[in-house]
PDB file of N, CA and C in Angstrom:
ATOM      1  N   MET A   1    -216.184-136.286  73.671  1.00  0.00           N
ATOM      2  CA  MET A   1    -214.779-136.020  73.826  1.00  0.00           C
ATOM      3  C   MET A   1    -214.194-135.754  72.437  1.00  0.00           C
ATOM      4  N   PRO A   2    -213.462-134.652  72.277  1.00  0.00           N
ATOM      5  CA  PRO A   2    -212.896-134.344  70.960  1.00  0.00           C
ATOM      6  C   PRO A   2    -211.807-135.330  70.576  1.00  0.00           C
ATOM      7  N   GLY A   3    -211.716-135.566  69.274  1.00  0.00           N
ATOM      8  CA  GLY A   3    -210.673-136.458  68.771  1.00  0.00           C
ATOM      9  C   GLY A   3    -209.324-135.760  68.759  1.00  0.00           C
ATOM     10  N   GLN A   4    -208.288-136.535  68.617  1.00  0.00           N
ATOM     11  CA  GLN A   4    -206.939-135.998  68.557  1.00  0.00           C
ATOM     12  C   GLN A   4    -206.719-135.367  67.181  1.00  0.00           C
ATOM     13  N   ALA A   5    -206.069-134.213  67.159  1.00  0.00           N
ATOM     14  CA  ALA A   5    -205.798-133.533  65.891  1.00  0.00           C
ATOM     15  C   ALA A   5    -204.912-134.414  65.018  1.00  0.00           C
ATOM     16  N   ARG A   6    -205.194-134.425  63.720  1.00  0.00           N
ATOM     17  CA  ARG A   6    -204.380-135.233  62.810  1.00  0.00           C
ATOM     18  C   ARG A   6    -203.483-134.322  61.984  1.00  0.00           C
ATOM     19  N   ILE A   7    -202.330-134.822  61.661  1.00  0.00           N
ATOM     20  CA  ILE A   7    -201.416-134.106  60.769  1.00  0.00           C
ATOM     21  C   ILE A   7    -201.921-134.340  59.357  1.00  0.00           C
ATOM     22  N   ASP A   8    -202.180-133.260  58.643  1.00  0.00           N
ATOM     23  CA  ASP A   8    -202.707-133.414  57.286  1.00  0.00           C
ATOM     24  C   ASP A   8    -202.052-132.406  56.355  1.00  0.00           C
ATOM     25  N   ALA A   9    -200.947-132.804  55.793  1.00  0.00           N
ATOM     26  CA  ALA A   9    -200.237-132.010  54.800  1.00  0.00           C
ATOM     27  C   ALA A   9    -200.095-132.882  53.559  1.00  0.00           C
ATOM     28  N   PRO A  10    -199.932-132.282  52.392  1.00  0.00           N
ATOM     29  CA  PRO A  10    -199.754-133.098  51.190  1.00  0.00           C
ATOM     30  C   PRO A  10    -198.611-134.096  51.367  1.00  0.00           C
ATOM     31  N   GLY A  11    -198.868-135.343  50.991  1.00  0.00           N
ATOM     32  CA  GLY A  11    -197.847-136.376  51.066  1.00  0.00           C
ATOM     33  C   GLY A  11    -197.831-137.180  52.353  1.00  0.00           C
ATOM     34  N   VAL A  12    -198.697-136.835  53.303  1.00  0.00           N
ATOM     35  CA  VAL A  12    -198.742-137.562  54.579  1.00  0.00           C
ATOM     36  C   VAL A  12    -199.470-138.889  54.381  1.00  0.00           C
ATOM     37  N   LEU A  13    -198.980-139.935  55.032  1.00  0.00           N
ATOM     38  CA  LEU A  13    -199.579-141.266  54.959  1.00  0.00           C
ATOM     39  C   LEU A  13    -200.603-141.420  56.083  1.00  0.00           C
ATOM     40  N   HIS A  14    -201.806-141.922  55.750  1.00  0.00           N
ATOM     41  CA  HIS A  14    -202.894-142.080  56.717  1.00  0.00           C
ATOM     42  C   HIS A  14    -203.400-143.517  56.710  1.00  0.00           C
ATOM     43  N   HIS A  15    -203.536-144.102  57.898  1.00  0.00           N
ATOM     44  CA  HIS A  15    -204.237-145.382  58.050  1.00  0.00           C
ATOM     45  C   HIS A  15    -205.635-145.031  58.524  1.00  0.00           C
ATOM     46  N   ILE A  16    -206.630-145.344  57.710  1.00  0.00           N
ATOM     47  CA  ILE A  16    -208.018-144.974  57.991  1.00  0.00           C
ATOM     48  C   ILE A  16    -208.824-146.234  58.238  1.00  0.00           C
ATOM     49  N   ILE A  17    -209.639-146.190  59.289  1.00  0.00           N
ATOM     50  CA  ILE A  17    -210.549-147.288  59.611  1.00  0.00           C
ATOM     51  C   ILE A  17    -211.950-146.701  59.700  1.00  0.00           C
ATOM     52  N   VAL A  18    -212.896-147.319  59.005  1.00  0.00           N
ATOM     53  CA  VAL A  18    -214.300-146.905  59.073  1.00  0.00           C
ATOM     54  C   VAL A  18    -215.114-148.137  59.427  1.00  0.00           C
ATOM     55  N   ARG A  19    -215.905-148.025  60.495  1.00  0.00           N
ATOM     56  CA  ARG A  19    -216.733-149.145  60.953  1.00  0.00           C
ATOM     57  C   ARG A  19    -218.204-148.825  60.747  1.00  0.00           C
ATOM     58  N   GLY A  20    -219.005-149.872  60.551  1.00  0.00           N
ATOM     59  CA  GLY A  20    -220.447-149.717  60.497  1.00  0.00           C
ATOM     60  C   GLY A  20    -220.990-149.391  61.881  1.00  0.00           C
ATOM     61  N   ILE A  21    -222.116-148.688  61.922  1.00  0.00           N
ATOM     62  CA  ILE A  21    -222.764-148.360  63.191  1.00  0.00           C
ATOM     63  C   ILE A  21    -223.107-149.651  63.915  1.00  0.00           C
ATOM     64  N   GLU A  22    -222.795-149.699  65.204  1.00  0.00           N
ATOM     65  CA  GLU A  22    -223.004-150.893  66.033  1.00  0.00           C
ATOM     66  C   GLU A  22    -222.347-152.124  65.409  1.00  0.00           C
ATOM     67  N   ARG A  23    -221.261-151.882  64.671  1.00  0.00           N
ATOM     68  CA  ARG A  23    -220.500-152.943  63.989  1.00  0.00           C
ATOM     69  C   ARG A  23    -221.355-153.767  63.020  1.00  0.00           C
ATOM     70  N   ARG A  24    -222.387-153.123  62.488  1.00  0.00           N
ATOM     71  CA  ARG A  24    -223.216-153.799  61.482  1.00  0.00           C
ATOM     72  C   ARG A  24    -222.479-153.847  60.155  1.00  0.00           C
ATOM     73  N   LYS A  25    -222.909-154.738  59.284  1.00  0.00           N
ATOM     74  CA  LYS A  25    -222.283-154.892  57.969  1.00  0.00           C
ATOM     75  C   LYS A  25    -222.439-153.614  57.145  1.00  0.00           C
ATOM     76  N   ILE A  26    -221.372-153.266  56.452  1.00  0.00           N
ATOM     77  CA  ILE A  26    -221.441-152.196  55.465  1.00  0.00           C
ATOM     78  C   ILE A  26    -221.258-152.753  54.052  1.00  0.00           C
ATOM     79  N   PHE A  27    -220.762-153.983  53.964  1.00  0.00           N
ATOM     80  CA  PHE A  27    -220.654-154.696  52.690  1.00  0.00           C
ATOM     81  C   PHE A  27    -221.422-156.005  52.826  1.00  0.00           C
ATOM     82  N   ASN A  28    -222.487-156.156  52.053  1.00  0.00           N
ATOM     83  CA  ASN A  28    -223.292-157.374  52.137  1.00  0.00           C
ATOM     84  C   ASN A  28    -222.819-158.477  51.199  1.00  0.00           C
ATOM     85  N   ASP A  29    -222.182-158.076  50.088  1.00  0.00           N
ATOM     86  CA  ASP A  29    -221.771-159.076  49.104  1.00  0.00           C
ATOM     87  C   ASP A  29    -220.661-158.511  48.227  1.00  0.00           C
ATOM     88  N   ASP A  30    -220.213-159.309  47.272  1.00  0.00           N
ATOM     89  CA  ASP A  30    -219.131-158.879  46.381  1.00  0.00           C
ATOM     90  C   ASP A  30    -219.525-157.671  45.540  1.00  0.00           C
ATOM     91  N   GLU A  31    -220.788-157.556  45.192  1.00  0.00           N
ATOM     92  CA  GLU A  31    -221.237-156.397  44.404  1.00  0.00           C
ATOM     93  C   GLU A  31    -221.041-155.102  45.192  1.00  0.00           C
ATOM     94  N   ASP A  32    -221.361-155.119  46.485  1.00  0.00           N
ATOM     95  CA  ASP A  32    -221.130-153.945  47.333  1.00  0.00           C
ATOM     96  C   ASP A  32    -219.649-153.586  47.361  1.00  0.00           C
ATOM     97  N   ARG A  33    -218.790-154.591  47.503  1.00  0.00           N
ATOM     98  CA  ARG A  33    -217.350-154.344  47.548  1.00  0.00           C
ATOM     99  C   ARG A  33    -216.841-153.802  46.209  1.00  0.00           C
ATOM    100  N   PHE A  34    -217.329-154.360  45.104  1.00  0.00           N
ATOM    101  CA  PHE A  34    -216.923-153.885  43.787  1.00  0.00           C
ATOM    102  C   PHE A  34    -217.359-152.433  43.581  1.00  0.00           C
ATOM    103  N   ASP A  35    -218.597-152.113  43.953  1.00  0.00           N
ATOM    104  CA  ASP A  35    -219.091-150.738  43.824  1.00  0.00           C
ATOM    105  C   ASP A  35    -218.243-149.766  44.643  1.00  0.00           C
ATOM    106  N   PHE A  36    -217.885-150.180  45.857  1.00  0.00           N
ATOM    107  CA  PHE A  36    -217.049-149.343  46.718  1.00  0.00           C
ATOM    108  C   PHE A  36    -215.688-149.098  46.068  1.00  0.00           C
ATOM    109  N   LEU A  37    -215.057-150.146  45.561  1.00  0.00           N
ATOM    110  CA  LEU A  37    -213.740-149.994  44.942  1.00  0.00           C
ATOM    111  C   LEU A  37    -213.806-149.127  43.689  1.00  0.00           C
ATOM    112  N   GLU A  38    -214.870-149.259  42.934  1.00  0.00           N
ATOM    113  CA  GLU A  38    -215.045-148.416  41.748  1.00  0.00           C
ATOM    114  C   GLU A  38    -215.195-146.949  42.155  1.00  0.00           C
ATOM    115  N   ARG A  39    -216.004-146.714  43.183  1.00  0.00           N
ATOM    116  CA  ARG A  39    -216.229-145.344  43.656  1.00  0.00           C
ATOM    117  C   ARG A  39    -214.945-144.736  44.214  1.00  0.00           C
ATOM    118  N   ILE A  40    -214.249-145.493  45.048  1.00  0.00           N
ATOM    119  CA  ILE A  40    -213.024-144.938  45.632  1.00  0.00           C
ATOM    120  C   ILE A  40    -211.969-144.704  44.554  1.00  0.00           C
ATOM    121  N   GLY A  41    -211.942-145.540  43.528  1.00  0.00           N
ATOM    122  CA  GLY A  41    -211.001-145.336  42.434  1.00  0.00           C
ATOM    123  C   GLY A  41    -211.190-143.987  41.761  1.00  0.00           C
ATOM    124  N   HIS A  42    -212.435-143.627  41.507  1.00  0.00           N
ATOM    125  CA  HIS A  42    -212.728-142.322  40.890  1.00  0.00           C
ATOM    126  C   HIS A  42    -212.327-141.176  41.818  1.00  0.00           C
ATOM    127  N   ILE A  43    -212.661-141.311  43.093  1.00  0.00           N
ATOM    128  CA  ILE A  43    -212.363-140.245  44.054  1.00  0.00           C
ATOM    129  C   ILE A  43    -210.856-140.068  44.223  1.00  0.00           C
ATOM    130  N   LEU A  44    -210.119-141.164  44.297  1.00  0.00           N
ATOM    131  CA  LEU A  44    -208.666-141.069  44.442  1.00  0.00           C
ATOM    132  C   LEU A  44    -208.044-140.379  43.234  1.00  0.00           C
ATOM    133  N   GLU A  45    -208.540-140.694  42.065  1.00  0.00           N
ATOM    134  CA  GLU A  45    -208.027-140.053  40.847  1.00  0.00           C
ATOM    135  C   GLU A  45    -208.327-138.556  40.859  1.00  0.00           C
ATOM    136  N   GLN A  46    -209.562-138.190  41.215  1.00  0.00           N
ATOM    137  CA  GLN A  46    -209.965-136.778  41.239  1.00  0.00           C
ATOM    138  C   GLN A  46    -209.167-135.967  42.255  1.00  0.00           C
ATOM    139  N   THR A  47    -208.826-136.579  43.378  1.00  0.00           N
ATOM    140  CA  THR A  47    -208.155-135.857  44.463  1.00  0.00           C
ATOM    141  C   THR A  47    -206.644-136.057  44.477  1.00  0.00           C
ATOM    142  N   GLN A  48    -206.127-136.790  43.499  1.00  0.00           N
ATOM    143  CA  GLN A  48    -204.688-137.063  43.399  1.00  0.00           C
ATOM    144  C   GLN A  48    -204.160-137.706  44.686  1.00  0.00           C
ATOM    145  N   THR A  49    -204.941-138.653  45.216  1.00  0.00           N
ATOM    146  CA  THR A  49    -204.590-139.375  46.436  1.00  0.00           C
ATOM    147  C   THR A  49    -204.136-140.778  46.053  1.00  0.00           C
ATOM    148  N   ALA A  50    -203.048-141.243  46.653  1.00  0.00           N
ATOM    149  CA  ALA A  50    -202.536-142.592  46.389  1.00  0.00           C
ATOM    150  C   ALA A  50    -203.059-143.551  47.450  1.00  0.00           C
ATOM    151  N   CYS A  51    -203.506-144.728  47.006  1.00  0.00           N
ATOM    152  CA  CYS A  51    -203.937-145.776  47.929  1.00  0.00           C
ATOM    153  C   CYS A  51    -202.928-146.914  47.831  1.00  0.00           C
ATOM    154  N   TYR A  52    -202.252-147.207  48.935  1.00  0.00           N
ATOM    155  CA  TYR A  52    -201.232-148.250  48.964  1.00  0.00           C
ATOM    156  C   TYR A  52    -201.785-149.600  49.379  1.00  0.00           C
ATOM    157  N   ALA A  53    -202.881-149.593  50.132  1.00  0.00           N
ATOM    158  CA  ALA A  53    -203.472-150.856  50.584  1.00  0.00           C
ATOM    159  C   ALA A  53    -204.904-150.609  51.028  1.00  0.00           C
ATOM    160  N   TRP A  54    -205.704-151.663  50.938  1.00  0.00           N
ATOM    161  CA  TRP A  54    -207.055-151.613  51.476  1.00  0.00           C
ATOM    162  C   TRP A  54    -207.435-153.000  51.939  1.00  0.00           C
ATOM    163  N   ALA A  55    -208.378-153.019  52.873  1.00  0.00           N
ATOM    164  CA  ALA A  55    -208.966-154.276  53.342  1.00  0.00           C
ATOM    165  C   ALA A  55    -210.447-154.006  53.555  1.00  0.00           C
ATOM    166  N   LEU A  56    -211.279-154.789  52.887  1.00  0.00           N
ATOM    167  CA  LEU A  56    -212.728-154.632  53.001  1.00  0.00           C
ATOM    168  C   LEU A  56    -213.274-155.820  53.772  1.00  0.00           C
ATOM    169  N   ILE A  57    -213.707-155.578  54.993  1.00  0.00           N
ATOM    170  CA  ILE A  57    -214.266-156.598  55.877  1.00  0.00           C
ATOM    171  C   ILE A  57    -215.766-156.309  55.944  1.00  0.00           C
ATOM    172  N   PRO A  58    -216.620-157.303  56.145  1.00  0.00           N
ATOM    173  CA  PRO A  58    -218.062-157.031  56.097  1.00  0.00           C
ATOM    174  C   PRO A  58    -218.535-155.843  56.943  1.00  0.00           C
ATOM    175  N   ASN A  59    -217.956-155.623  58.130  1.00  0.00           N
ATOM    176  CA  ASN A  59    -218.466-154.538  58.970  1.00  0.00           C
ATOM    177  C   ASN A  59    -217.536-153.325  59.063  1.00  0.00           C
ATOM    178  N   HIS A  60    -216.416-153.331  58.360  1.00  0.00           N
ATOM    179  CA  HIS A  60    -215.533-152.169  58.357  1.00  0.00           C
ATOM    180  C   HIS A  60    -214.531-152.267  57.209  1.00  0.00           C
ATOM    181  N   PHE A  61    -213.782-151.178  57.028  1.00  0.00           N
ATOM    182  CA  PHE A  61    -212.706-151.227  56.040  1.00  0.00           C
ATOM    183  C   PHE A  61    -211.507-150.425  56.529  1.00  0.00           C
ATOM    184  N   HIS A  62    -210.353-150.763  55.975  1.00  0.00           N
ATOM    185  CA  HIS A  62    -209.095-150.070  56.243  1.00  0.00           C
ATOM    186  C   HIS A  62    -208.578-149.524  54.916  1.00  0.00           C
ATOM    187  N   LEU A  63    -207.999-148.333  54.956  1.00  0.00           N
ATOM    188  CA  LEU A  63    -207.337-147.743  53.796  1.00  0.00           C
ATOM    189  C   LEU A  63    -205.985-147.203  54.237  1.00  0.00           C
ATOM    190  N   LEU A  64    -204.993-147.329  53.392  1.00  0.00           N
ATOM    191  CA  LEU A  64    -203.700-146.699  53.614  1.00  0.00           C
ATOM    192  C   LEU A  64    -203.516-145.705  52.470  1.00  0.00           C
ATOM    193  N   LEU A  65    -203.687-144.427  52.792  1.00  0.00           N
ATOM    194  CA  LEU A  65    -203.710-143.374  51.778  1.00  0.00           C
ATOM    195  C   LEU A  65    -202.580-142.381  51.983  1.00  0.00           C
ATOM    196  N   ARG A  66    -202.041-141.881  50.868  1.00  0.00           N
ATOM    197  CA  ARG A  66    -201.111-140.747  50.897  1.00  0.00           C
ATOM    198  C   ARG A  66    -201.820-139.592  50.204  1.00  0.00           C
ATOM    199  N   THR A  67    -202.025-138.513  50.948  1.00  0.00           N
ATOM    200  CA  THR A  67    -202.780-137.388  50.417  1.00  0.00           C
ATOM    201  C   THR A  67    -202.021-136.691  49.303  1.00  0.00           C
ATOM    202  N   GLY A  68    -202.807-136.073  48.434  1.00  0.00           N
ATOM    203  CA  GLY A  68    -202.255-135.321  47.315  1.00  0.00           C
ATOM    204  C   GLY A  68    -202.701-133.878  47.395  1.00  0.00           C
ATOM    205  N   ALA A  69    -203.502-133.461  46.434  1.00  0.00           N
ATOM    206  CA  ALA A  69    -203.924-132.071  46.339  1.00  0.00           C
ATOM    207  C   ALA A  69    -205.009-131.700  47.348  1.00  0.00           C
ATOM    208  N   TYR A  70    -205.686-132.692  47.923  1.00  0.00           N
ATOM    209  CA  TYR A  70    -206.802-132.431  48.835  1.00  0.00           C
ATOM    210  C   TYR A  70    -206.530-133.066  50.194  1.00  0.00           C
ATOM    211  N   PRO A  71    -207.031-132.445  51.275  1.00  0.00           N
ATOM    212  CA  PRO A  71    -206.872-133.045  52.610  1.00  0.00           C
ATOM    213  C   PRO A  71    -207.632-134.364  52.721  1.00  0.00           C
ATOM    214  N   VAL A  72    -207.191-135.215  53.631  1.00  0.00           N
ATOM    215  CA  VAL A  72    -207.831-136.518  53.807  1.00  0.00           C
ATOM    216  C   VAL A  72    -209.305-136.359  54.197  1.00  0.00           C
ATOM    217  N   ALA A  73    -209.652-135.311  54.930  1.00  0.00           N
ATOM    218  CA  ALA A  73    -211.050-135.089  55.316  1.00  0.00           C
ATOM    219  C   ALA A  73    -211.930-134.895  54.084  1.00  0.00           C
ATOM    220  N   THR A  74    -211.438-134.194  53.091  1.00  0.00           N
ATOM    221  CA  THR A  74    -212.193-133.980  51.854  1.00  0.00           C
ATOM    222  C   THR A  74    -212.365-135.290  51.098  1.00  0.00           C
ATOM    223  N   VAL A  75    -211.309-136.070  51.028  1.00  0.00           N
ATOM    224  CA  VAL A  75    -211.371-137.370  50.343  1.00  0.00           C
ATOM    225  C   VAL A  75    -212.417-138.255  51.010  1.00  0.00           C
ATOM    226  N   MET A  76    -212.378-138.342  52.331  1.00  0.00           N
ATOM    227  CA  MET A  76    -213.310-139.205  53.058  1.00  0.00           C
ATOM    228  C   MET A  76    -214.740-138.679  52.983  1.00  0.00           C
ATOM    229  N   ARG A  77    -214.922-137.374  53.019  1.00  0.00           N
ATOM    230  CA  ARG A  77    -216.269-136.806  52.886  1.00  0.00           C
ATOM    231  C   ARG A  77    -216.871-137.194  51.535  1.00  0.00           C
ATOM    232  N   ARG A  78    -216.079-137.101  50.480  1.00  0.00           N
ATOM    233  CA  ARG A  78    -216.575-137.490  49.152  1.00  0.00           C
ATOM    234  C   ARG A  78    -216.901-138.978  49.095  1.00  0.00           C
ATOM    235  N   LEU A  79    -216.109-139.779  49.761  1.00  0.00           N
ATOM    236  CA  LEU A  79    -216.317-141.225  49.740  1.00  0.00           C
ATOM    237  C   LEU A  79    -217.552-141.635  50.536  1.00  0.00           C
ATOM    238  N   LEU A  80    -217.762-141.019  51.675  1.00  0.00           N
ATOM    239  CA  LEU A  80    -218.791-141.485  52.606  1.00  0.00           C
ATOM    240  C   LEU A  80    -220.130-140.772  52.478  1.00  0.00           C
ATOM    241  N   THR A  81    -220.250-139.803  51.568  1.00  0.00           N
ATOM    242  CA  THR A  81    -221.550-139.127  51.400  1.00  0.00           C
ATOM    243  C   THR A  81    -222.082-139.345  50.010  1.00  0.00           C
TER     244      THR A  81
END
């Protein structure tokens, strides 16, 4: 079933949730969380995206992002690949 189309224009606020497959852990320890935050920091700077909040839970994470020069799909593709 196709997903619902998202509004994606510069300056739009997005609440993003990413879960591990079968709700498995994606963060095993503090080092994993630190590496993730370091990586997302670089990507947000490169894409001129603002992050207002995040929550890192062992099997998923939440981000509250305001897009800048790049669409949210591009930001997430860079983060997750």
